[in-house]
Amino acid sequence: MGQASGFLWAYAFHEGGAEPLTDQTFEIPPGDPKAWVWTHFPLSDQRARLYLENQHDIPAPARDLILRTEQRVQIQFSGHWAFGVLPDLERDLDGRPVGAGRLLFAFDGRRLITARRQALRVVDEVRREVDRGALIASPADAVVRLIERYVDVSEQRLHDAAEALDRVEDRMLGDHGEVEGLKLGPTRRGLSRDHREYLGLRSALHRACVPREDHRVALLPQHLPRLAQEAEDLDREAASLQERARLLHEELDTQITSATNRSMRALTVMSSLLIPPTLIVGAFGMNLSGIPFAGSHSGFVAACVLCLAVVGGAYWVLRRMRIMP
């Protein structure tokens, strides 16, 4: 096949373990009925797309699904082949997650083909497990391991989201100062995005448990009910955290609104107390004849006493009206 295949990596699995394949040995090891090959392709490479287009032993629906980079999570069957789209996590060159990704796959009893457009986290972690000596018995087991690893990563993400909500809740319920700096937006967005992913995986696994057409795919169907239950658990936990985040957001808005109301109340009281003396000072400041105390040496003192008396009267009125505590 040479370099024309454009694959990223490939492994041959047999009873002795797994070994990387080069372009020159890109074949199923002969003489071992349990041997199989896993090949991973980048769909951003035109050589990989041309190679996959020419693989006529793969069912046409599977080839079309992979080459059009389908985004809807799904698992389908055709004869001895299973194919579909699994959720994954995109990552940058430093390994940091940057969003939801899609891993496309197709397999029969001796061959597993996976493809992706961007760098993905889960499939790379499973590949590293193989490099460390993990033995995967069949292509179906590899797909199961990919789903299980995605569930493990998702559980950790939900755990991190729950801890973030715990910190926000502790801050809200404790006496730690202002709550305006607390931010729930990123956590809520992340939970909403993850919930959509888990719901898609859950629906795909439930549909695969009762496929529309007969097939002869070995091993994978017996794992589907367990995987569907795990996806349902993820979906339920994500929904629970979403609801908790929504309630915390409402409580946070309530506390911020309450703090704003207290500030406005304090400003209103101060304005109410300062308006009468302001009027008095303004009246005595008019440059007109006949101003009281204009010729008295104690006029300033008298005006100050009058202002204090008016402020005291206003304070008493506010107390009587229960505006001030």
Protein backbone atom coordinates (compact mmCIF):
# COMPACT_ATOMS: atom_id res chain seq x y z
CA MET A 1 0.00 0.00 0.00
CA GLY A 2 2.89 2.38 0.68
CA GLN A 3 2.50 5.91 1.83
CA ALA A 4 -0.63 6.29 -0.32
CA SER A 5 -2.78 4.99 2.56
CA GLY A 6 -2.10 8.11 4.64
CA PHE A 7 -2.89 6.39 7.97
CA LEU A 8 -1.71 7.80 11.30
CA TRP A 9 -0.99 4.52 13.02
CA ALA A 10 -1.89 0.84 12.83
CA TYR A 11 -1.54 -2.21 15.08
CA ALA A 12 -1.72 -5.92 14.52
CA PHE A 13 -3.20 -7.82 17.46
CA HIS A 14 -2.52 -11.50 18.10
CA GLU A 15 -2.22 -13.85 21.04
CA GLY A 16 1.27 -12.57 21.83
CA GLY A 17 0.19 -8.95 22.09
CA ALA A 18 0.08 -6.00 19.72
CA GLU A 19 2.73 -4.66 17.40
CA PRO A 20 2.82 -1.47 15.33
CA LEU A 21 2.48 -1.89 11.59
CA THR A 22 4.41 -0.04 8.93
CA ASP A 23 3.35 0.64 5.38
CA GLN A 24 5.19 -2.46 4.25
CA THR A 25 3.43 -4.83 6.72
CA PHE A 26 -0.05 -3.35 6.62
CA GLU A 27 -1.78 -6.72 6.59
CA ILE A 28 -3.50 -9.14 8.99
CA PRO A 29 -0.86 -11.56 10.37
CA PRO A 30 -1.30 -14.92 8.61
CA GLY A 31 -1.78 -18.21 10.44
CA ASP A 32 -3.61 -16.78 13.47
CA PRO A 33 -7.43 -16.96 13.20
CA LYS A 34 -7.79 -14.54 16.14
CA ALA A 35 -5.43 -11.94 14.73
CA TRP A 36 -6.84 -8.61 13.66
CA VAL A 37 -5.69 -5.13 12.61
CA TRP A 38 -6.63 -1.66 13.85
CA THR A 39 -5.92 1.24 11.47
CA HIS A 40 -6.49 4.91 12.31
CA PHE A 41 -6.89 7.58 9.61
CA PRO A 42 -6.92 11.40 9.59
CA LEU A 43 -9.76 12.61 7.38
CA SER A 44 -7.95 15.90 6.89
CA ASP A 45 -5.43 13.97 4.74
CA GLN A 46 -6.60 13.52 1.16
CA ARG A 47 -4.51 10.32 0.83
CA ALA A 48 -6.52 8.73 3.66
CA ARG A 49 -9.82 9.73 2.02
CA LEU A 50 -8.77 8.29 -1.33
CA TYR A 51 -7.63 5.07 0.34
CA LEU A 52 -10.94 4.66 2.17
CA GLU A 53 -12.92 5.37 -1.01
CA ASN A 54 -11.15 2.44 -2.67
CA GLN A 55 -11.86 -0.04 0.16
CA HIS A 56 -14.74 -1.82 -1.57
CA ASP A 57 -14.78 -4.64 0.99
CA ILE A 58 -16.22 -2.13 3.45
CA PRO A 59 -20.01 -1.72 3.09
CA ALA A 60 -20.93 1.34 1.07
CA PRO A 61 -23.03 2.88 3.89
CA ALA A 62 -20.04 2.64 6.23
CA ARG A 63 -17.69 4.26 3.67
CA ASP A 64 -20.17 7.06 3.00
CA LEU A 65 -20.69 7.72 6.71
CA ILE A 66 -16.95 7.96 7.37
CA LEU A 67 -16.11 10.10 4.35
CA ARG A 68 -18.87 12.65 4.95
CA THR A 69 -17.68 12.99 8.57
CA GLU A 70 -21.13 12.39 10.07
CA GLN A 71 -21.67 14.24 13.37
CA ARG A 72 -24.70 12.40 14.79
CA VAL A 73 -23.66 9.73 17.30
CA GLN A 74 -24.89 6.35 16.03
CA ILE A 75 -24.15 2.64 15.72
CA GLN A 76 -25.36 0.71 12.67
CA PHE A 77 -24.95 -2.80 11.31
CA SER A 78 -24.58 -4.28 7.85
CA GLY A 79 -23.92 -7.99 7.48
CA HIS A 80 -20.70 -8.82 9.35
CA TRP A 81 -19.85 -5.14 9.76
CA ALA A 82 -20.72 -2.59 12.41
CA PHE A 83 -20.07 1.10 11.83
CA GLY A 84 -21.02 4.46 13.21
CA VAL A 85 -19.93 7.56 15.11
CA LEU A 86 -18.73 7.74 18.71
CA PRO A 87 -18.35 10.85 20.87
CA ASP A 88 -14.86 11.95 21.83
CA LEU A 89 -13.10 15.09 23.03
CA GLU A 90 -11.06 17.30 20.76
CA ARG A 91 -7.68 18.37 22.12
CA ASP A 92 -5.03 20.87 21.15
CA LEU A 93 -1.34 20.15 20.67
CA ASP A 94 -0.77 20.44 24.43
CA GLY A 95 -3.49 17.88 25.19
CA ARG A 96 -6.00 20.40 26.58
CA PRO A 97 -9.65 19.73 25.66
CA VAL A 98 -11.16 22.23 23.23
CA GLY A 99 -14.63 20.81 22.65
CA ALA A 100 -16.65 17.81 21.55
CA GLY A 101 -15.24 15.60 18.81
CA ARG A 102 -16.33 12.65 16.69
CA LEU A 103 -14.63 9.33 16.07
CA LEU A 104 -15.90 7.39 13.05
CA PHE A 105 -15.46 3.64 12.95
CA ALA A 106 -16.18 0.49 10.97
CA PHE A 107 -15.22 -3.06 11.86
CA ASP A 108 -15.79 -6.73 11.20
CA GLY A 109 -14.21 -9.75 12.88
CA ARG A 110 -10.66 -9.12 11.61
CA ARG A 111 -10.38 -5.42 10.96
CA LEU A 112 -11.11 -2.13 12.73
CA ILE A 113 -10.95 1.20 10.92
CA THR A 114 -11.23 4.45 12.86
CA ALA A 115 -11.04 7.97 11.48
CA ARG A 116 -11.20 11.50 12.78
CA ARG A 117 -10.83 15.05 11.48
CA GLN A 118 -9.28 16.71 14.56
CA ALA A 119 -6.96 15.32 17.22
CA LEU A 120 -9.01 13.38 19.78
CA ARG A 121 -8.34 12.48 23.39
CA VAL A 122 -10.06 9.16 24.06
CA VAL A 123 -8.81 7.23 21.03
CA ASP A 124 -5.30 8.49 21.72
CA GLU A 125 -5.48 7.31 25.34
CA VAL A 126 -6.62 3.84 24.23
CA ARG A 127 -3.74 3.76 21.73
CA ARG A 128 -1.32 4.58 24.54
CA GLU A 129 -2.78 1.73 26.57
CA VAL A 130 -1.97 -0.58 23.66
CA ASP A 131 1.57 0.80 23.56
CA ARG A 132 1.91 -0.04 27.27
CA GLY A 133 0.96 -3.65 26.59
CA ALA A 134 -2.84 -3.75 26.92
CA LEU A 135 -4.22 -6.67 24.93
CA ILE A 136 -7.51 -6.15 23.13
CA ALA A 137 -9.00 -9.42 21.93
CA SER A 138 -11.11 -8.23 18.99
CA PRO A 139 -12.28 -5.16 17.08
CA ALA A 140 -15.56 -5.24 19.00
CA ASP A 141 -13.63 -5.17 22.28
CA ALA A 142 -11.69 -2.16 21.00
CA VAL A 143 -14.93 -0.27 20.29
CA VAL A 144 -16.22 -1.25 23.74
CA ARG A 145 -12.97 -0.01 25.27
CA LEU A 146 -13.33 3.32 23.44
CA ILE A 147 -16.83 3.79 24.86
CA GLU A 148 -15.72 2.73 28.35
CA ARG A 149 -12.80 5.15 28.25
CA TYR A 150 -15.11 7.95 27.13
CA VAL A 151 -17.39 7.13 30.08
CA ASP A 152 -14.40 7.25 32.45
CA VAL A 153 -13.30 10.65 31.12
CA SER A 154 -16.88 11.94 31.27
CA GLU A 155 -17.27 10.81 34.88
CA GLN A 156 -14.15 12.78 35.78
CA ARG A 157 -15.52 15.84 33.96
CA LEU A 158 -18.79 15.56 35.88
CA HIS A 159 -16.85 15.16 39.12
CA ASP A 160 -14.93 18.37 38.35
CA ALA A 161 -18.19 20.17 37.56
CA ALA A 162 -19.71 18.96 40.85
CA GLU A 163 -16.68 20.26 42.77
CA ALA A 164 -17.00 23.63 41.04
CA LEU A 165 -20.65 23.80 42.08
CA ASP A 166 -19.67 22.81 45.63
CA ARG A 167 -17.25 25.74 45.82
CA VAL A 168 -19.88 28.15 44.56
CA GLU A 169 -22.46 26.80 47.02
CA ASP A 170 -20.05 27.01 49.97
CA ARG A 171 -19.24 30.59 49.04
CA MET A 172 -22.90 31.50 48.72
CA LEU A 173 -23.95 29.93 52.01
CA GLY A 174 -20.91 31.05 54.00
CA ASP A 175 -19.77 34.45 55.19
CA HIS A 176 -17.03 34.89 52.63
CA GLY A 177 -17.89 38.33 51.37
CA GLU A 178 -19.40 39.42 48.09
CA VAL A 179 -20.91 36.92 45.66
CA GLU A 180 -20.79 39.11 42.55
CA GLY A 181 -17.45 37.56 41.56
CA LEU A 182 -18.85 34.02 41.44
CA LYS A 183 -19.26 32.71 37.90
CA LEU A 184 -21.56 29.85 37.03
CA GLY A 185 -21.76 30.54 33.30
CA PRO A 186 -18.78 28.40 32.16
CA THR A 187 -19.86 25.46 34.33
CA ARG A 188 -23.44 25.63 33.05
CA ARG A 189 -22.29 25.83 29.44
CA GLY A 190 -20.00 22.85 29.92
CA LEU A 191 -22.72 20.79 31.56
CA SER A 192 -25.20 21.66 28.82
CA ARG A 193 -22.74 20.64 26.10
CA ASP A 194 -21.81 17.40 27.88
CA HIS A 195 -25.45 16.55 28.54
CA ARG A 196 -26.16 16.73 24.81
CA GLU A 197 -23.24 14.37 24.16
CA TYR A 198 -24.38 11.85 26.77
CA LEU A 199 -27.95 11.97 25.52
CA GLY A 200 -26.75 11.25 21.98
CA LEU A 201 -24.60 8.32 23.13
CA ARG A 202 -27.42 6.95 25.25
CA SER A 203 -29.88 7.11 22.35
CA ALA A 204 -27.40 5.50 19.93
CA LEU A 205 -26.69 2.60 22.28
CA HIS A 206 -30.38 2.00 22.98
CA ARG A 207 -31.15 1.96 19.24
CA ALA A 208 -28.25 -0.42 18.63
CA CYS A 209 -29.66 -2.83 21.22
CA VAL A 210 -32.66 -3.32 18.93
CA PRO A 211 -31.29 -2.81 15.38
CA ARG A 212 -33.61 -2.32 12.45
CA GLU A 213 -32.07 -5.11 10.39
CA ASP A 214 -30.51 -8.50 11.05
CA HIS A 215 -26.73 -8.67 11.23
CA ARG A 216 -23.97 -11.13 12.01
CA VAL A 217 -21.68 -8.90 14.05
CA ALA A 218 -20.09 -10.90 16.87
CA LEU A 219 -19.41 -9.81 20.46
CA LEU A 220 -20.51 -6.17 20.32
CA PRO A 221 -24.27 -6.73 20.91
CA GLN A 222 -23.65 -8.53 24.19
CA HIS A 223 -21.93 -5.42 25.58
CA LEU A 224 -24.54 -2.94 24.40
CA PRO A 225 -27.01 -3.20 27.32
CA ARG A 226 -24.24 -2.56 29.87
CA LEU A 227 -22.84 0.35 27.86
CA ALA A 228 -26.35 1.78 27.42
CA GLN A 229 -26.83 1.66 31.19
CA GLU A 230 -23.54 3.47 31.76
CA ALA A 231 -24.52 6.15 29.23
CA GLU A 232 -27.91 6.49 30.93
CA ASP A 233 -26.18 6.97 34.27
CA LEU A 234 -24.00 9.70 32.75
CA ASP A 235 -27.03 11.38 31.24
CA ARG A 236 -28.90 11.26 34.53
CA GLU A 237 -25.98 12.67 36.52
CA ALA A 238 -25.41 15.46 33.99
CA ALA A 239 -29.10 16.38 34.13
CA SER A 240 -28.95 16.43 37.93
CA LEU A 241 -25.93 18.73 37.91
CA GLN A 242 -27.62 20.95 35.34
CA GLU A 243 -30.63 21.34 37.61
CA ARG A 244 -28.40 22.03 40.59
CA ALA A 245 -26.46 24.64 38.61
CA ARG A 246 -29.73 26.28 37.56
CA LEU A 247 -30.94 26.49 41.16
CA LEU A 248 -27.59 27.89 42.29
CA HIS A 249 -27.77 30.47 39.52
CA GLU A 250 -31.22 31.53 40.66
CA GLU A 251 -30.02 31.75 44.27
CA LEU A 252 -26.99 33.74 43.16
CA ASP A 253 -29.23 36.16 41.26
CA THR A 254 -31.43 36.46 44.36
CA GLN A 255 -28.47 37.29 46.58
CA ILE A 256 -27.08 39.81 44.11
CA THR A 257 -30.51 41.43 43.77
CA SER A 258 -30.88 41.52 47.56
CA ALA A 259 -27.46 43.16 47.95
CA THR A 260 -28.36 45.70 45.28
CA ASN A 261 -31.65 46.46 47.02
CA ARG A 262 -29.84 47.00 50.33
CA SER A 263 -27.44 49.41 48.65
CA MET A 264 -30.29 51.27 47.00
CA ARG A 265 -32.14 51.44 50.31
CA ALA A 266 -29.11 52.93 52.03
CA LEU A 267 -28.72 55.51 49.26
CA THR A 268 -32.42 56.35 49.48
CA VAL A 269 -32.23 56.90 53.24
CA MET A 270 -29.13 59.07 52.92
CA SER A 271 -30.82 61.11 50.17
CA SER A 272 -33.95 61.50 52.30
CA LEU A 273 -31.93 62.78 55.25
CA LEU A 274 -29.79 65.18 53.22
CA ILE A 275 -32.51 66.75 51.07
CA PRO A 276 -34.05 68.97 53.85
CA PRO A 277 -30.74 70.51 55.02
CA THR A 278 -29.80 71.00 51.38
CA LEU A 279 -32.97 73.04 50.89
CA ILE A 280 -32.25 75.05 54.01
CA VAL A 281 -28.67 75.75 53.00
CA GLY A 282 -29.85 76.69 49.53
CA ALA A 283 -32.46 79.05 50.94
CA PHE A 284 -29.93 80.82 53.22
CA GLY A 285 -27.52 81.05 50.32
CA MET A 286 -29.84 83.23 48.21
CA ASN A 287 -28.39 86.70 47.64
CA LEU A 288 -31.57 88.54 48.59
CA SER A 289 -32.49 91.06 51.26
CA GLY A 290 -34.49 89.92 54.25
CA ILE A 291 -32.58 86.67 54.76
CA PRO A 292 -33.02 85.59 58.44
CA PHE A 293 -29.95 85.95 60.68
CA ALA A 294 -28.19 87.98 57.97
CA GLY A 295 -27.02 90.57 60.51
CA SER A 296 -26.53 88.20 63.47
CA HIS A 297 -23.13 86.92 64.58
CA SER A 298 -24.76 83.59 65.58
CA GLY A 299 -26.57 83.09 62.25
CA PHE A 300 -24.30 80.26 61.10
CA VAL A 301 -24.81 78.38 64.38
CA ALA A 302 -28.55 78.91 64.16
CA ALA A 303 -28.67 77.60 60.61
CA CYS A 304 -26.64 74.49 61.62
CA VAL A 305 -28.99 73.86 64.55
CA LEU A 306 -31.97 74.19 62.23
CA CYS A 307 -30.42 71.71 59.78
CA LEU A 308 -29.76 69.19 62.56
CA ALA A 309 -33.30 69.59 63.83
CA VAL A 310 -34.73 68.99 60.38
CA VAL A 311 -32.50 65.91 59.87
CA GLY A 312 -33.58 64.58 63.28
CA GLY A 313 -37.22 65.12 62.37
CA ALA A 314 -36.78 63.36 59.03
CA TYR A 315 -35.03 60.48 60.79
CA TRP A 316 -37.92 60.19 63.25
CA VAL A 317 -40.46 60.18 60.42
CA LEU A 318 -38.52 57.44 58.57
CA ARG A 319 -38.42 55.35 61.73
CA ARG A 320 -42.15 55.79 62.25
CA MET A 321 -42.76 54.71 58.66
CA ARG A 322 -40.51 51.65 59.23
CA ILE A 323 -38.28 52.68 56.35
CA MET A 324 -35.25 52.64 58.64
CA PRO A 325 -34.50 49.91 61.18
